[in-house]
Structures are given as structure tokens and as C-alpha cells.
């Protein structure tokens, strides 16, 4: 997958203290050839699809990594990294 905005991913990771874990996610996503949510779930079983967003559980559900995915064009766009509490408030659902 072509993951757009590595710099933003790493900035969010540093802010939350998740550098290594998100670097690992980034590396695996870059090497992946995901064509559907079922492909993603082979590697990340807890990933969920909400519209055209995929939500990844990070650090045992303490954080959520949210990306917009375009499987047809093999692209993934970083939208944000939020805590479990922030995710529960649902503000991320309005992200464009």
C-alpha cells in the first residue's frame, strides 16, 4: 500500500509515545498488498471498517489509528491517531 503522510504518522506517534509500534505498522502497511478488509484482517484481526475508513487498534486498544483507504488504487491516507476515549466521542467520524 502507498501510505500517504508518513511524516504525520510519525509526528502523531511521537506525540503519543508510540514511535516503534507505529513505525512497525507503517512498514507492514507499506509492504502489504491489501485489496479488501479481509486482507487487512489477516494481519490485523481487530481492524474495523467504518465507511471508507479503517480503524486499527494500537497498543492493546489504548489508541486508534484511523486511515482512509482506497483499495482500488492501493492507497492509504493517514487521518489521525486518537486515544480510546477520544475515539468514543466520535469526532473522528467527521474527518474528511
N, C-alpha and C. Protein backbone atom coordinates (compact mmCIF):
# COMPACT_ATOMS: atom_id res chain seq x y z
N UNK A 1 0.85 -1.18 0.00
CA UNK A 1 0.00 0.00 0.00
C UNK A 1 0.89 1.24 0.00
N UNK A 2 0.42 2.24 -0.66
CA UNK A 2 1.09 3.52 -0.62
C UNK A 2 0.47 4.31 0.53
N UNK A 3 1.19 4.43 1.63
CA UNK A 3 0.68 5.12 2.81
C UNK A 3 1.09 6.58 2.72
N UNK A 4 0.08 7.45 2.62
CA UNK A 4 0.33 8.87 2.46
C UNK A 4 0.45 9.53 3.84
N UNK A 5 1.50 10.33 3.94
CA UNK A 5 1.77 11.17 5.10
C UNK A 5 2.54 10.45 6.21
N UNK A 6 3.64 9.81 5.83
CA UNK A 6 4.49 9.16 6.84
C UNK A 6 4.91 10.16 7.91
N UNK A 7 5.24 11.37 7.50
CA UNK A 7 5.66 12.38 8.47
C UNK A 7 4.58 12.63 9.51
N UNK A 8 3.32 12.69 9.08
CA UNK A 8 2.21 12.92 10.01
C UNK A 8 1.99 11.72 10.93
N UNK A 9 2.15 10.52 10.37
CA UNK A 9 2.04 9.31 11.19
C UNK A 9 3.09 9.34 12.30
N UNK A 10 4.32 9.64 11.93
CA UNK A 10 5.42 9.63 12.90
C UNK A 10 5.29 10.78 13.90
N UNK A 11 4.77 11.92 13.47
CA UNK A 11 4.55 13.04 14.39
C UNK A 11 3.49 12.66 15.44
N UNK A 12 2.40 12.05 14.99
CA UNK A 12 1.35 11.61 15.92
C UNK A 12 1.88 10.53 16.85
N UNK A 13 2.69 9.62 16.30
CA UNK A 13 3.27 8.55 17.12
C UNK A 13 4.15 9.12 18.21
N UNK A 14 4.98 10.10 17.87
CA UNK A 14 5.86 10.70 18.86
C UNK A 14 5.06 11.42 19.94
N UNK A 15 4.02 12.11 19.53
CA UNK A 15 3.16 12.83 20.48
C UNK A 15 2.53 11.88 21.51
N UNK A 16 2.16 10.69 21.05
CA UNK A 16 1.50 9.71 21.92
C UNK A 16 2.49 8.72 22.54
N UNK A 17 3.76 8.83 22.19
CA UNK A 17 4.76 7.91 22.73
C UNK A 17 4.69 6.52 22.11
N UNK A 18 4.35 6.45 20.82
CA UNK A 18 4.15 5.16 20.14
C UNK A 18 5.08 4.98 18.95
N UNK A 19 6.22 5.62 18.97
CA UNK A 19 7.11 5.60 17.82
C UNK A 19 7.38 4.24 17.22
N UNK A 20 7.88 3.30 18.01
CA UNK A 20 8.23 1.99 17.49
C UNK A 20 7.04 1.22 16.96
N UNK A 21 5.94 1.25 17.68
CA UNK A 21 4.77 0.48 17.27
C UNK A 21 4.19 1.01 15.96
N UNK A 22 4.12 2.32 15.81
CA UNK A 22 3.57 2.86 14.57
C UNK A 22 4.56 2.75 13.43
N UNK A 23 5.83 2.77 13.72
CA UNK A 23 6.82 2.53 12.66
C UNK A 23 6.66 1.11 12.13
N UNK A 24 6.43 0.14 13.03
CA UNK A 24 6.19 -1.24 12.61
C UNK A 24 4.93 -1.34 11.75
N UNK A 25 3.85 -0.66 12.19
CA UNK A 25 2.61 -0.67 11.42
C UNK A 25 2.87 -0.07 10.03
N UNK A 26 3.54 1.07 9.99
CA UNK A 26 3.82 1.74 8.72
C UNK A 26 4.60 0.82 7.78
N UNK A 27 5.63 0.19 8.31
CA UNK A 27 6.44 -0.70 7.49
C UNK A 27 5.62 -1.86 6.93
N UNK A 28 4.78 -2.45 7.76
CA UNK A 28 3.98 -3.58 7.29
C UNK A 28 2.91 -3.12 6.29
N UNK A 29 2.32 -1.96 6.52
CA UNK A 29 1.31 -1.44 5.59
C UNK A 29 1.95 -1.11 4.24
N UNK A 30 3.14 -0.55 4.25
CA UNK A 30 3.84 -0.20 3.00
C UNK A 30 4.13 -1.45 2.16
N UNK A 31 4.40 -2.55 2.83
CA UNK A 31 4.73 -3.79 2.12
C UNK A 31 3.50 -4.60 1.73
N UNK A 32 2.35 -4.23 2.27
CA UNK A 32 1.13 -5.01 2.06
C UNK A 32 0.53 -4.77 0.68
N UNK A 33 -0.25 -5.74 0.24
CA UNK A 33 -1.00 -5.63 -1.00
C UNK A 33 -2.46 -5.94 -0.68
N UNK A 34 -3.02 -5.15 0.23
CA UNK A 34 -4.39 -5.36 0.68
C UNK A 34 -5.37 -4.93 -0.40
N UNK A 35 -6.35 -5.77 -0.67
CA UNK A 35 -7.38 -5.48 -1.65
C UNK A 35 -8.77 -5.41 -1.02
N UNK A 36 -8.84 -5.75 0.27
CA UNK A 36 -10.13 -5.73 0.96
C UNK A 36 -9.88 -5.75 2.47
N UNK A 37 -10.94 -5.51 3.23
CA UNK A 37 -10.81 -5.57 4.68
C UNK A 37 -10.39 -6.97 5.14
N UNK A 38 -10.84 -7.98 4.46
CA UNK A 38 -10.45 -9.34 4.86
C UNK A 38 -8.94 -9.54 4.71
N UNK A 39 -8.33 -8.93 3.71
CA UNK A 39 -6.87 -8.98 3.58
C UNK A 39 -6.20 -8.28 4.75
N UNK A 40 -6.71 -7.12 5.12
CA UNK A 40 -6.16 -6.37 6.26
C UNK A 40 -6.26 -7.20 7.53
N UNK A 41 -7.41 -7.84 7.72
CA UNK A 41 -7.64 -8.61 8.95
C UNK A 41 -6.78 -9.85 9.07
N UNK A 42 -6.21 -10.31 7.98
CA UNK A 42 -5.28 -11.43 8.08
C UNK A 42 -4.06 -11.02 8.88
N UNK A 43 -3.69 -9.77 8.79
CA UNK A 43 -2.53 -9.25 9.52
C UNK A 43 -2.95 -8.51 10.79
N UNK A 44 -4.10 -7.83 10.74
CA UNK A 44 -4.61 -7.06 11.88
C UNK A 44 -6.06 -7.47 12.13
N UNK A 45 -6.27 -8.57 12.85
CA UNK A 45 -7.62 -9.12 13.03
C UNK A 45 -8.63 -8.17 13.65
N UNK A 46 -8.19 -7.21 14.44
CA UNK A 46 -9.14 -6.31 15.11
C UNK A 46 -9.46 -5.07 14.27
N UNK A 47 -8.91 -4.95 13.08
CA UNK A 47 -9.19 -3.78 12.23
C UNK A 47 -10.68 -3.76 11.87
N UNK A 48 -11.24 -2.56 11.88
CA UNK A 48 -12.65 -2.38 11.53
C UNK A 48 -12.77 -1.36 10.41
N UNK A 49 -13.79 -1.54 9.59
CA UNK A 49 -14.08 -0.61 8.51
C UNK A 49 -15.29 0.21 8.90
N UNK A 50 -15.15 1.53 8.83
CA UNK A 50 -16.25 2.44 9.10
C UNK A 50 -16.34 3.36 7.89
N UNK A 51 -17.30 3.08 7.00
CA UNK A 51 -17.35 3.80 5.73
C UNK A 51 -16.12 3.43 4.92
N UNK A 52 -15.36 4.44 4.50
CA UNK A 52 -14.11 4.15 3.79
C UNK A 52 -12.90 4.34 4.69
N UNK A 53 -13.13 4.33 5.98
CA UNK A 53 -12.04 4.43 6.96
C UNK A 53 -11.76 3.07 7.56
N UNK A 54 -10.50 2.80 7.82
CA UNK A 54 -10.13 1.61 8.57
C UNK A 54 -9.58 2.08 9.90
N UNK A 55 -10.04 1.43 10.96
CA UNK A 55 -9.62 1.76 12.32
C UNK A 55 -8.79 0.59 12.84
N UNK A 56 -7.55 0.89 13.21
CA UNK A 56 -6.64 -0.11 13.77
C UNK A 56 -6.51 0.12 15.27
N UNK A 57 -6.61 -0.95 16.04
CA UNK A 57 -6.33 -0.88 17.47
C UNK A 57 -4.83 -0.86 17.66
N UNK A 58 -4.37 0.08 18.45
CA UNK A 58 -2.94 0.22 18.71
C UNK A 58 -2.70 0.08 20.21
N UNK A 59 -1.66 -0.59 20.56
CA UNK A 59 -1.23 -0.79 21.94
C UNK A 59 -2.38 -1.37 22.78
N UNK A 60 -2.87 -2.49 22.34
CA UNK A 60 -3.92 -3.24 23.06
C UNK A 60 -5.15 -2.38 23.32
N UNK A 61 -5.59 -1.66 22.28
CA UNK A 61 -6.84 -0.92 22.33
C UNK A 61 -6.75 0.41 23.09
N UNK A 62 -5.56 0.86 23.46
CA UNK A 62 -5.43 2.15 24.13
C UNK A 62 -5.56 3.31 23.14
N UNK A 63 -5.19 3.04 21.88
CA UNK A 63 -5.23 4.06 20.84
C UNK A 63 -5.88 3.50 19.60
N UNK A 64 -6.35 4.41 18.74
CA UNK A 64 -6.92 4.02 17.45
C UNK A 64 -6.20 4.80 16.36
N UNK A 65 -5.71 4.08 15.39
CA UNK A 65 -5.11 4.67 14.20
C UNK A 65 -6.18 4.63 13.11
N UNK A 66 -6.46 5.78 12.53
CA UNK A 66 -7.54 5.88 11.55
C UNK A 66 -6.96 6.30 10.21
N UNK A 67 -7.27 5.51 9.18
CA UNK A 67 -6.80 5.81 7.83
C UNK A 67 -7.97 5.71 6.85
N UNK A 68 -7.90 6.50 5.80
CA UNK A 68 -8.86 6.37 4.70
C UNK A 68 -8.19 5.46 3.68
N UNK A 69 -8.93 4.52 3.16
CA UNK A 69 -8.34 3.53 2.26
C UNK A 69 -9.03 3.56 0.90
N UNK A 70 -8.21 3.42 -0.12
CA UNK A 70 -8.71 3.27 -1.49
C UNK A 70 -8.06 2.00 -2.03
N UNK A 71 -8.73 0.87 -1.82
CA UNK A 71 -8.14 -0.41 -2.20
C UNK A 71 -7.84 -0.48 -3.69
N UNK A 72 -8.72 0.09 -4.53
CA UNK A 72 -8.55 0.02 -5.98
C UNK A 72 -7.24 0.65 -6.42
N UNK A 73 -6.87 1.76 -5.78
CA UNK A 73 -5.64 2.46 -6.18
C UNK A 73 -4.47 2.13 -5.26
N UNK A 74 -4.69 1.19 -4.33
CA UNK A 74 -3.63 0.73 -3.43
C UNK A 74 -3.06 1.87 -2.59
N UNK A 75 -3.97 2.75 -2.10
CA UNK A 75 -3.54 3.90 -1.32
C UNK A 75 -4.24 3.96 0.03
N UNK A 76 -3.50 4.46 1.00
CA UNK A 76 -4.00 4.62 2.36
C UNK A 76 -3.58 6.02 2.82
N UNK A 77 -4.53 6.77 3.35
CA UNK A 77 -4.28 8.14 3.78
C UNK A 77 -4.44 8.24 5.29
N UNK A 78 -3.39 8.63 5.99
CA UNK A 78 -3.43 8.80 7.43
C UNK A 78 -4.41 9.92 7.77
N UNK A 79 -5.37 9.63 8.67
CA UNK A 79 -6.34 10.64 9.10
C UNK A 79 -6.09 11.06 10.53
N UNK A 80 -5.65 10.15 11.38
CA UNK A 80 -5.39 10.55 12.75
C UNK A 80 -5.10 9.39 13.67
N UNK A 81 -4.63 9.76 14.84
CA UNK A 81 -4.35 8.81 15.91
C UNK A 81 -5.01 9.39 17.15
N UNK A 82 -5.90 8.63 17.75
CA UNK A 82 -6.66 9.12 18.90
C UNK A 82 -6.61 8.11 20.04
N UNK A 83 -6.87 8.59 21.23
CA UNK A 83 -6.98 7.69 22.37
C UNK A 83 -8.32 6.96 22.30
N UNK A 84 -8.44 5.93 23.10
CA UNK A 84 -9.70 5.18 23.17
C UNK A 84 -10.85 6.12 23.55
N UNK A 85 -10.59 7.01 24.51
CA UNK A 85 -11.62 7.95 24.97
C UNK A 85 -12.03 8.91 23.85
N UNK A 86 -11.05 9.45 23.14
CA UNK A 86 -11.35 10.36 22.02
C UNK A 86 -12.13 9.64 20.93
N UNK A 87 -11.76 8.41 20.68
CA UNK A 87 -12.46 7.61 19.68
C UNK A 87 -13.94 7.45 20.06
N UNK A 88 -14.17 7.19 21.33
CA UNK A 88 -15.53 7.00 21.82
C UNK A 88 -16.42 8.23 21.64
N UNK A 89 -15.82 9.41 21.64
CA UNK A 89 -16.61 10.64 21.45
C UNK A 89 -17.09 10.78 20.01
N UNK A 90 -16.42 10.12 19.07
CA UNK A 90 -16.88 10.06 17.69
C UNK A 90 -16.56 11.24 16.80
N UNK A 91 -15.80 12.21 17.28
CA UNK A 91 -15.49 13.38 16.46
C UNK A 91 -14.74 13.00 15.18
N UNK A 92 -14.00 11.93 15.22
CA UNK A 92 -13.22 11.46 14.07
C UNK A 92 -14.11 11.12 12.88
N UNK A 93 -15.37 10.83 13.14
CA UNK A 93 -16.27 10.44 12.05
C UNK A 93 -16.54 11.59 11.08
N UNK A 94 -16.23 12.81 11.48
CA UNK A 94 -16.45 13.96 10.62
C UNK A 94 -15.22 14.32 9.81
N UNK A 95 -14.12 13.62 10.01
CA UNK A 95 -12.89 13.92 9.27
C UNK A 95 -13.07 13.64 7.80
N UNK A 96 -12.58 14.52 6.98
CA UNK A 96 -12.67 14.35 5.53
C UNK A 96 -11.41 13.76 4.99
